[in-house]
Amino acid sequence: MQTSVIKADSLSKVVSTKQEQLTILEGVNLEIKSGESVAIVGTSGAGKSTLMTLLAGLDTPTQGEVHLLGKPLHTLDDEARAAIRSESVGFVFQSFLLIPSLSALDNVTLPCLLKGEPENKARAIELLTSVGLEKRIDHSPSQLSGGEQQRVALARAFMIEPQILFADEPTGNLDEQTASTVIELLFELNKKHGTTLVLVTHDQKLAQRCDRIFTMKAGMLEGA
């Protein structure tokens, strides 16, 4: 039986502005099993990215509970949540978030340093090779195209052998052809490493590749 790796109960997020209280998420319930690939879709402003940040422990809910890999994130402080992420969670964002002064290789080994472990350069080279960048390992982000930078970000995400990978609009800054290449690599790496994938996207075609699709509408979740 598959175990639950992400569970959200009655999740709400309310943000105060000078004028009013804005409800970004309301009463979200969600359960994701180990090894599943799940897409969270919806229009811009529907609450997709907010939900992802709560599930990953990057932010805390106003109400409700989140369990990530069996740990109650809603009861933990920032440091404890960060420790879970550095140990078991990978991220791929729309804006790549590579360190400009580091080579592709050093960007990929960065999660080792964040975990306080020695840099595993052999694994980093293996991952960069698996995304077709074996000849670009010494290049800095400014010497790489957008698609190449996102492939470096993919390699980095798998560096710590994460149990869960969160991908927030991973093809949002790429042209169609490059996006297609990156998506193939994402699903290929995900399958190879047996990772649970949570994909935030507005691209229905991409969402169809996942095992299940959840739709966000005005802060509420409709599941499939």
C-alpha atoms as a PDB file:
ATOM      1  CA  MET A   1       0.000   0.000   0.000  1.00  0.00           C
ATOM      2  CA  GLN A   2       1.306   3.469  -0.915  1.00  0.00           C
ATOM      3  CA  THR A   3       1.989   5.722   2.027  1.00  0.00           C
ATOM      4  CA  SER A   4       0.816   9.307   2.186  1.00  0.00           C
ATOM      5  CA  VAL A   5       3.745  11.745   1.825  1.00  0.00           C
ATOM      6  CA  ILE A   6       1.731  14.981   1.767  1.00  0.00           C
ATOM      7  CA  LYS A   7      -1.497  15.556   3.630  1.00  0.00           C
ATOM      8  CA  ALA A   8      -3.357  18.844   4.024  1.00  0.00           C
ATOM      9  CA  ASP A   9      -6.433  19.247   6.229  1.00  0.00           C
ATOM     10  CA  SER A  10      -8.722  22.302   6.145  1.00  0.00           C
ATOM     11  CA  LEU A  11      -5.899  24.505   4.876  1.00  0.00           C
ATOM     12  CA  SER A  12      -6.584  28.248   4.712  1.00  0.00           C
ATOM     13  CA  LYS A  13      -4.369  31.250   4.061  1.00  0.00           C
ATOM     14  CA  VAL A  14      -5.547  34.787   4.785  1.00  0.00           C
ATOM     15  CA  VAL A  15      -3.383  37.844   4.131  1.00  0.00           C
ATOM     16  CA  SER A  16      -4.055  41.262   5.630  1.00  0.00           C
ATOM     17  CA  THR A  17      -3.734  44.359   3.462  1.00  0.00           C
ATOM     18  CA  LYS A  18      -4.323  47.942   4.600  1.00  0.00           C
ATOM     19  CA  GLN A  19      -7.848  47.837   3.228  1.00  0.00           C
ATOM     20  CA  GLU A  20      -9.025  44.271   3.858  1.00  0.00           C
ATOM     21  CA  GLN A  21      -8.396  40.623   4.661  1.00  0.00           C
ATOM     22  CA  LEU A  22      -7.711  38.622   1.507  1.00  0.00           C
ATOM     23  CA  THR A  23      -8.522  34.915   1.546  1.00  0.00           C
ATOM     24  CA  ILE A  24      -6.040  33.243  -0.794  1.00  0.00           C
ATOM     25  CA  LEU A  25      -6.837  29.626   0.151  1.00  0.00           C
ATOM     26  CA  GLU A  26      -9.925  28.273   1.846  1.00  0.00           C
ATOM     27  CA  GLY A  27     -10.602  24.840   3.348  1.00  0.00           C
ATOM     28  CA  VAL A  28      -8.192  22.868   1.151  1.00  0.00           C
ATOM     29  CA  ASN A  29      -7.989  19.110   1.753  1.00  0.00           C
ATOM     30  CA  LEU A  30      -5.432  17.088  -0.158  1.00  0.00           C
ATOM     31  CA  GLU A  31      -3.557  13.814   0.102  1.00  0.00           C
ATOM     32  CA  ILE A  32      -0.684  12.706  -2.127  1.00  0.00           C
ATOM     33  CA  LYS A  33       0.792   9.201  -2.059  1.00  0.00           C
ATOM     34  CA  SER A  34       4.425   8.192  -2.394  1.00  0.00           C
ATOM     35  CA  GLY A  35       5.578   8.005  -6.033  1.00  0.00           C
ATOM     36  CA  GLU A  36       2.540   9.823  -7.434  1.00  0.00           C
ATOM     37  CA  SER A  37       2.765  12.666  -9.924  1.00  0.00           C
ATOM     38  CA  VAL A  38       0.155  15.339  -9.245  1.00  0.00           C
ATOM     39  CA  ALA A  39      -0.617  18.546 -11.132  1.00  0.00           C
ATOM     40  CA  ILE A  40      -2.170  21.603  -9.507  1.00  0.00           C
ATOM     41  CA  VAL A  41      -3.734  23.711 -12.244  1.00  0.00           C
ATOM     42  CA  GLY A  42      -5.746  26.916 -12.371  1.00  0.00           C
ATOM     43  CA  THR A  43      -5.695  30.458 -13.674  1.00  0.00           C
ATOM     44  CA  SER A  44      -3.247  33.089 -12.456  1.00  0.00           C
ATOM     45  CA  GLY A  45      -4.161  34.211  -8.943  1.00  0.00           C
ATOM     46  CA  ALA A  46      -6.177  31.062  -8.175  1.00  0.00           C
ATOM     47  CA  GLY A  47      -3.837  30.159  -5.289  1.00  0.00           C
ATOM     48  CA  LYS A  48      -1.711  27.424  -6.903  1.00  0.00           C
ATOM     49  CA  SER A  49       1.701  28.724  -5.855  1.00  0.00           C
ATOM     50  CA  THR A  50       0.449  29.634  -2.372  1.00  0.00           C
ATOM     51  CA  LEU A  51      -0.761  26.059  -1.916  1.00  0.00           C
ATOM     52  CA  MET A  52       2.623  24.738  -3.039  1.00  0.00           C
ATOM     53  CA  THR A  53       4.514  26.970  -0.595  1.00  0.00           C
ATOM     54  CA  LEU A  54       2.322  25.695   2.254  1.00  0.00           C
ATOM     55  CA  LEU A  55       2.697  22.025   1.262  1.00  0.00           C
ATOM     56  CA  ALA A  56       6.486  22.468   1.051  1.00  0.00           C
ATOM     57  CA  GLY A  57       6.703  24.282   4.382  1.00  0.00           C
ATOM     58  CA  LEU A  58       7.986  27.494   2.778  1.00  0.00           C
ATOM     59  CA  ASP A  59       5.108  29.329   4.466  1.00  0.00           C
ATOM     60  CA  THR A  60       2.631  28.573   7.253  1.00  0.00           C
ATOM     61  CA  PRO A  61      -1.163  28.396   6.959  1.00  0.00           C
ATOM     62  CA  THR A  62      -3.547  30.737   8.756  1.00  0.00           C
ATOM     63  CA  GLN A  63      -5.605  27.681   9.648  1.00  0.00           C
ATOM     64  CA  GLY A  64      -5.366  23.948   9.086  1.00  0.00           C
ATOM     65  CA  GLU A  65      -2.658  21.300   9.130  1.00  0.00           C
ATOM     66  CA  VAL A  66       0.046  20.106   6.739  1.00  0.00           C
ATOM     67  CA  HIS A  67       1.921  16.838   7.161  1.00  0.00           C
ATOM     68  CA  LEU A  68       4.993  16.430   4.941  1.00  0.00           C
ATOM     69  CA  LEU A  69       6.644  12.986   5.041  1.00  0.00           C
ATOM     70  CA  GLY A  70       4.736  12.341   8.268  1.00  0.00           C
ATOM     71  CA  LYS A  71       6.017  15.514   9.950  1.00  0.00           C
ATOM     72  CA  PRO A  72       3.457  18.098  11.195  1.00  0.00           C
ATOM     73  CA  LEU A  73       4.775  21.238   9.476  1.00  0.00           C
ATOM     74  CA  HIS A  74       2.157  23.459  11.116  1.00  0.00           C
ATOM     75  CA  THR A  75       3.733  22.795  14.540  1.00  0.00           C
ATOM     76  CA  LEU A  76       7.384  23.282  13.480  1.00  0.00           C
ATOM     77  CA  ASP A  77       9.511  26.437  13.427  1.00  0.00           C
ATOM     78  CA  ASP A  78      11.316  27.766  10.330  1.00  0.00           C
ATOM     79  CA  GLU A  79      14.531  25.932  11.177  1.00  0.00           C
ATOM     80  CA  ALA A  80      12.868  22.535  11.622  1.00  0.00           C
ATOM     81  CA  ARG A  81      10.916  22.950   8.379  1.00  0.00           C
ATOM     82  CA  ALA A  82      14.104  23.980   6.518  1.00  0.00           C
ATOM     83  CA  ALA A  83      15.863  20.855   7.837  1.00  0.00           C
ATOM     84  CA  ILE A  84      13.146  18.621   6.331  1.00  0.00           C
ATOM     85  CA  ARG A  85      13.428  20.431   2.996  1.00  0.00           C
ATOM     86  CA  SER A  86      17.222  20.207   2.799  1.00  0.00           C
ATOM     87  CA  GLU A  87      17.032  16.492   3.622  1.00  0.00           C
ATOM     88  CA  SER A  88      14.152  15.291   1.454  1.00  0.00           C
ATOM     89  CA  VAL A  89      12.680  17.928  -0.891  1.00  0.00           C
ATOM     90  CA  GLY A  90      13.754  19.239  -4.311  1.00  0.00           C
ATOM     91  CA  PHE A  91      12.501  22.376  -6.059  1.00  0.00           C
ATOM     92  CA  VAL A  92      12.349  23.612  -9.643  1.00  0.00           C
ATOM     93  CA  PHE A  93      11.056  27.161 -10.173  1.00  0.00           C
ATOM     94  CA  GLN A  94      10.052  29.174 -13.224  1.00  0.00           C
ATOM     95  CA  SER A  95      12.954  31.597 -12.698  1.00  0.00           C
ATOM     96  CA  PHE A  96      15.715  28.908 -12.418  1.00  0.00           C
ATOM     97  CA  LEU A  97      17.241  30.557  -9.278  1.00  0.00           C
ATOM     98  CA  LEU A  98      20.818  29.614 -10.130  1.00  0.00           C
ATOM     99  CA  ILE A  99      23.713  31.395  -8.362  1.00  0.00           C
ATOM    100  CA  PRO A 100      25.249  33.642 -11.093  1.00  0.00           C
ATOM    101  CA  SER A 101      28.823  33.433  -9.751  1.00  0.00           C
ATOM    102  CA  LEU A 102      28.879  29.611  -9.653  1.00  0.00           C
ATOM    103  CA  SER A 103      29.501  27.167 -12.506  1.00  0.00           C
ATOM    104  CA  ALA A 104      26.807  24.699 -13.537  1.00  0.00           C
ATOM    105  CA  LEU A 105      28.641  22.011 -11.548  1.00  0.00           C
ATOM    106  CA  ASP A 106      28.854  24.123  -8.386  1.00  0.00           C
ATOM    107  CA  ASN A 107      25.193  25.105  -8.678  1.00  0.00           C
ATOM    108  CA  VAL A 108      24.268  21.422  -8.753  1.00  0.00           C
ATOM    109  CA  THR A 109      26.425  20.513  -5.729  1.00  0.00           C
ATOM    110  CA  LEU A 110      25.033  23.434  -3.696  1.00  0.00           C
ATOM    111  CA  PRO A 111      22.363  21.302  -1.919  1.00  0.00           C
ATOM    112  CA  CYS A 112      25.210  19.171  -0.457  1.00  0.00           C
ATOM    113  CA  LEU A 113      26.698  22.262   1.201  1.00  0.00           C
ATOM    114  CA  LEU A 114      23.281  23.327   2.487  1.00  0.00           C
ATOM    115  CA  LYS A 115      22.956  19.905   4.109  1.00  0.00           C
ATOM    116  CA  GLY A 116      26.439  20.237   5.597  1.00  0.00           C
ATOM    117  CA  GLU A 117      27.765  17.351   3.510  1.00  0.00           C
ATOM    118  CA  PRO A 118      30.827  17.099   1.223  1.00  0.00           C
ATOM    119  CA  GLU A 119      30.183  18.037  -2.409  1.00  0.00           C
ATOM    120  CA  ASN A 120      29.464  14.898  -4.405  1.00  0.00           C
ATOM    121  CA  LYS A 121      30.919  16.086  -7.718  1.00  0.00           C
ATOM    122  CA  ALA A 122      30.726  12.639  -9.317  1.00  0.00           C
ATOM    123  CA  ARG A 123      26.945  12.541  -8.765  1.00  0.00           C
ATOM    124  CA  ALA A 124      26.612  16.144  -9.993  1.00  0.00           C
ATOM    125  CA  ILE A 125      28.460  15.298 -13.221  1.00  0.00           C
ATOM    126  CA  GLU A 126      26.284  12.203 -13.648  1.00  0.00           C
ATOM    127  CA  LEU A 127      23.119  14.314 -13.255  1.00  0.00           C
ATOM    128  CA  LEU A 128      24.370  17.038 -15.622  1.00  0.00           C
ATOM    129  CA  THR A 129      25.223  14.308 -18.142  1.00  0.00           C
ATOM    130  CA  SER A 130      21.706  12.867 -17.779  1.00  0.00           C
ATOM    131  CA  VAL A 131      20.264  16.264 -18.813  1.00  0.00           C
ATOM    132  CA  GLY A 132      22.704  16.598 -21.724  1.00  0.00           C
ATOM    133  CA  LEU A 133      25.041  19.197 -20.205  1.00  0.00           C
ATOM    134  CA  GLU A 134      28.234  17.194 -19.747  1.00  0.00           C
ATOM    135  CA  LYS A 135      30.087  19.696 -21.948  1.00  0.00           C
ATOM    136  CA  ARG A 136      28.776  22.720 -20.051  1.00  0.00           C
ATOM    137  CA  ILE A 137      29.695  21.853 -16.450  1.00  0.00           C
ATOM    138  CA  ASP A 138      32.183  24.734 -16.104  1.00  0.00           C
ATOM    139  CA  HIS A 139      29.909  27.350 -17.663  1.00  0.00           C
ATOM    140  CA  SER A 140      28.268  30.022 -15.513  1.00  0.00           C
ATOM    141  CA  PRO A 141      24.500  30.663 -15.818  1.00  0.00           C
ATOM    142  CA  SER A 142      25.120  33.759 -17.987  1.00  0.00           C
ATOM    143  CA  GLN A 143      26.843  31.509 -20.559  1.00  0.00           C
ATOM    144  CA  LEU A 144      23.831  29.169 -20.745  1.00  0.00           C
ATOM    145  CA  SER A 145      20.503  29.518 -22.566  1.00  0.00           C
ATOM    146  CA  GLY A 146      17.235  29.561 -20.601  1.00  0.00           C
ATOM    147  CA  GLY A 147      16.609  25.910 -21.397  1.00  0.00           C
ATOM    148  CA  GLU A 148      20.129  24.945 -20.291  1.00  0.00           C
ATOM    149  CA  GLN A 149      19.722  26.882 -17.061  1.00  0.00           C
ATOM    150  CA  GLN A 150      16.487  25.052 -16.311  1.00  0.00           C
ATOM    151  CA  ARG A 151      18.231  21.737 -16.986  1.00  0.00           C
ATOM    152  CA  VAL A 152      20.919  22.721 -14.459  1.00  0.00           C
ATOM    153  CA  ALA A 153      18.090  23.512 -12.011  1.00  0.00           C
ATOM    154  CA  LEU A 154      16.606  20.055 -12.682  1.00  0.00           C
ATOM    155  CA  ALA A 155      19.935  18.361 -12.016  1.00  0.00           C
ATOM    156  CA  ARG A 156      20.298  20.383  -8.806  1.00  0.00           C
ATOM    157  CA  ALA A 157      16.790  19.380  -7.673  1.00  0.00           C
ATOM    158  CA  PHE A 158      17.711  15.686  -7.867  1.00  0.00           C
ATOM    159  CA  MET A 159      21.115  16.132  -6.211  1.00  0.00           C
ATOM    160  CA  ILE A 160      19.961  15.131  -2.722  1.00  0.00           C
ATOM    161  CA  GLU A 161      17.814  12.248  -4.061  1.00  0.00           C
ATOM    162  CA  PRO A 162      14.629  13.979  -2.854  1.00  0.00           C
ATOM    163  CA  GLN A 163      11.560  12.010  -1.867  1.00  0.00           C
ATOM    164  CA  ILE A 164       9.375  14.858  -3.145  1.00  0.00           C
ATOM    165  CA  LEU A 165       9.950  17.296  -5.996  1.00  0.00           C
ATOM    166  CA  PHE A 166       7.943  20.539  -6.185  1.00  0.00           C
ATOM    167  CA  ALA A 167       7.972  22.167  -9.634  1.00  0.00           C
ATOM    168  CA  ASP A 168       6.351  25.606  -9.917  1.00  0.00           C
ATOM    169  CA  GLU A 169       5.662  26.548 -13.570  1.00  0.00           C
ATOM    170  CA  PRO A 170       8.978  24.902 -14.593  1.00  0.00           C
ATOM    171  CA  THR A 171       8.481  25.770 -18.272  1.00  0.00           C
ATOM    172  CA  GLY A 172       6.991  29.252 -17.754  1.00  0.00           C
ATOM    173  CA  ASN A 173      10.066  31.087 -19.071  1.00  0.00           C
ATOM    174  CA  LEU A 174      10.851  28.730 -21.963  1.00  0.00           C
ATOM    175  CA  ASP A 175       9.776  28.576 -25.597  1.00  0.00           C
ATOM    176  CA  GLU A 176       7.586  25.641 -26.626  1.00  0.00           C
ATOM    177  CA  GLN A 177      10.320  23.420 -28.038  1.00  0.00           C
ATOM    178  CA  THR A 178      12.695  23.970 -25.106  1.00  0.00           C
ATOM    179  CA  ALA A 179       9.819  23.489 -22.660  1.00  0.00           C
ATOM    180  CA  SER A 180       9.015  20.154 -24.261  1.00  0.00           C
ATOM    181  CA  THR A 181      12.635  18.969 -23.816  1.00  0.00           C
ATOM    182  CA  VAL A 182      12.712  20.054 -20.160  1.00  0.00           C
ATOM    183  CA  ILE A 183       9.389  18.322 -19.430  1.00  0.00           C
ATOM    184  CA  GLU A 184      10.593  15.052 -20.953  1.00  0.00           C
ATOM    185  CA  LEU A 185      13.685  15.242 -18.745  1.00  0.00           C
ATOM    186  CA  LEU A 186      11.613  16.095 -15.673  1.00  0.00           C
ATOM    187  CA  PHE A 187       9.367  13.045 -16.039  1.00  0.00           C
ATOM    188  CA  GLU A 188      12.293  10.824 -17.038  1.00  0.00           C
ATOM    189  CA  LEU A 189      14.341  11.801 -13.971  1.00  0.00           C
ATOM    190  CA  ASN A 190      11.275  11.575 -11.766  1.00  0.00           C
ATOM    191  CA  LYS A 191      10.526   8.031 -12.905  1.00  0.00           C
ATOM    192  CA  LYS A 192      14.155   6.946 -12.615  1.00  0.00           C
ATOM    193  CA  HIS A 193      14.454   8.236  -9.042  1.00  0.00           C
ATOM    194  CA  GLY A 194      10.943   7.214  -7.910  1.00  0.00           C
ATOM    195  CA  THR A 195      10.203  10.715  -6.663  1.00  0.00           C
ATOM    196  CA  THR A 196       6.779  12.077  -5.759  1.00  0.00           C
ATOM    197  CA  LEU A 197       6.101  15.009  -8.104  1.00  0.00           C
ATOM    198  CA  VAL A 198       3.916  18.020  -7.299  1.00  0.00           C
ATOM    199  CA  LEU A 199       3.663  20.180 -10.402  1.00  0.00           C
ATOM    200  CA  VAL A 200       2.091  23.642 -10.407  1.00  0.00           C
ATOM    201  CA  THR A 201       1.178  24.653 -13.949  1.00  0.00           C
ATOM    202  CA  HIS A 202      -1.379  26.496 -16.074  1.00  0.00           C
ATOM    203  CA  ASP A 203      -0.486  24.187 -19.004  1.00  0.00           C
ATOM    204  CA  GLN A 204      -3.253  21.587 -19.358  1.00  0.00           C
ATOM    205  CA  LYS A 205      -1.194  19.468 -21.759  1.00  0.00           C
ATOM    206  CA  LEU A 206       1.561  19.210 -19.190  1.00  0.00           C
ATOM    207  CA  ALA A 207      -0.924  18.468 -16.392  1.00  0.00           C
ATOM    208  CA  GLN A 208      -2.331  15.540 -18.401  1.00  0.00           C
ATOM    209  CA  ARG A 209       1.054  13.806 -18.048  1.00  0.00           C
ATOM    210  CA  CYS A 210       0.476  13.478 -14.293  1.00  0.00           C
ATOM    211  CA  ASP A 211      -1.380  10.693 -12.457  1.00  0.00           C
ATOM    212  CA  ARG A 212      -3.905  13.136 -10.980  1.00  0.00           C
ATOM    213  CA  ILE A 213      -4.976  16.735 -11.538  1.00  0.00           C
ATOM    214  CA  PHE A 214      -6.252  19.136  -8.895  1.00  0.00           C
ATOM    215  CA  THR A 215      -7.856  22.393 -10.055  1.00  0.00           C
ATOM    216  CA  MET A 216      -7.652  25.572  -8.000  1.00  0.00           C
ATOM    217  CA  LYS A 217     -10.516  28.028  -8.381  1.00  0.00           C
ATOM    218  CA  ALA A 218     -10.593  31.214  -6.297  1.00  0.00           C
ATOM    219  CA  GLY A 219      -8.616  29.605  -3.483  1.00  0.00           C
ATOM    220  CA  MET A 220     -10.611  26.377  -3.385  1.00  0.00           C
ATOM    221  CA  LEU A 221      -9.498  22.969  -4.611  1.00  0.00           C
ATOM    222  CA  GLU A 222     -11.366  20.624  -6.919  1.00  0.00           C
ATOM    223  CA  GLY A 223      -9.754  17.193  -7.030  1.00  0.00           C
ATOM    224  CA  ALA A 224      -9.591  14.403  -9.578  1.00  0.00           C
END
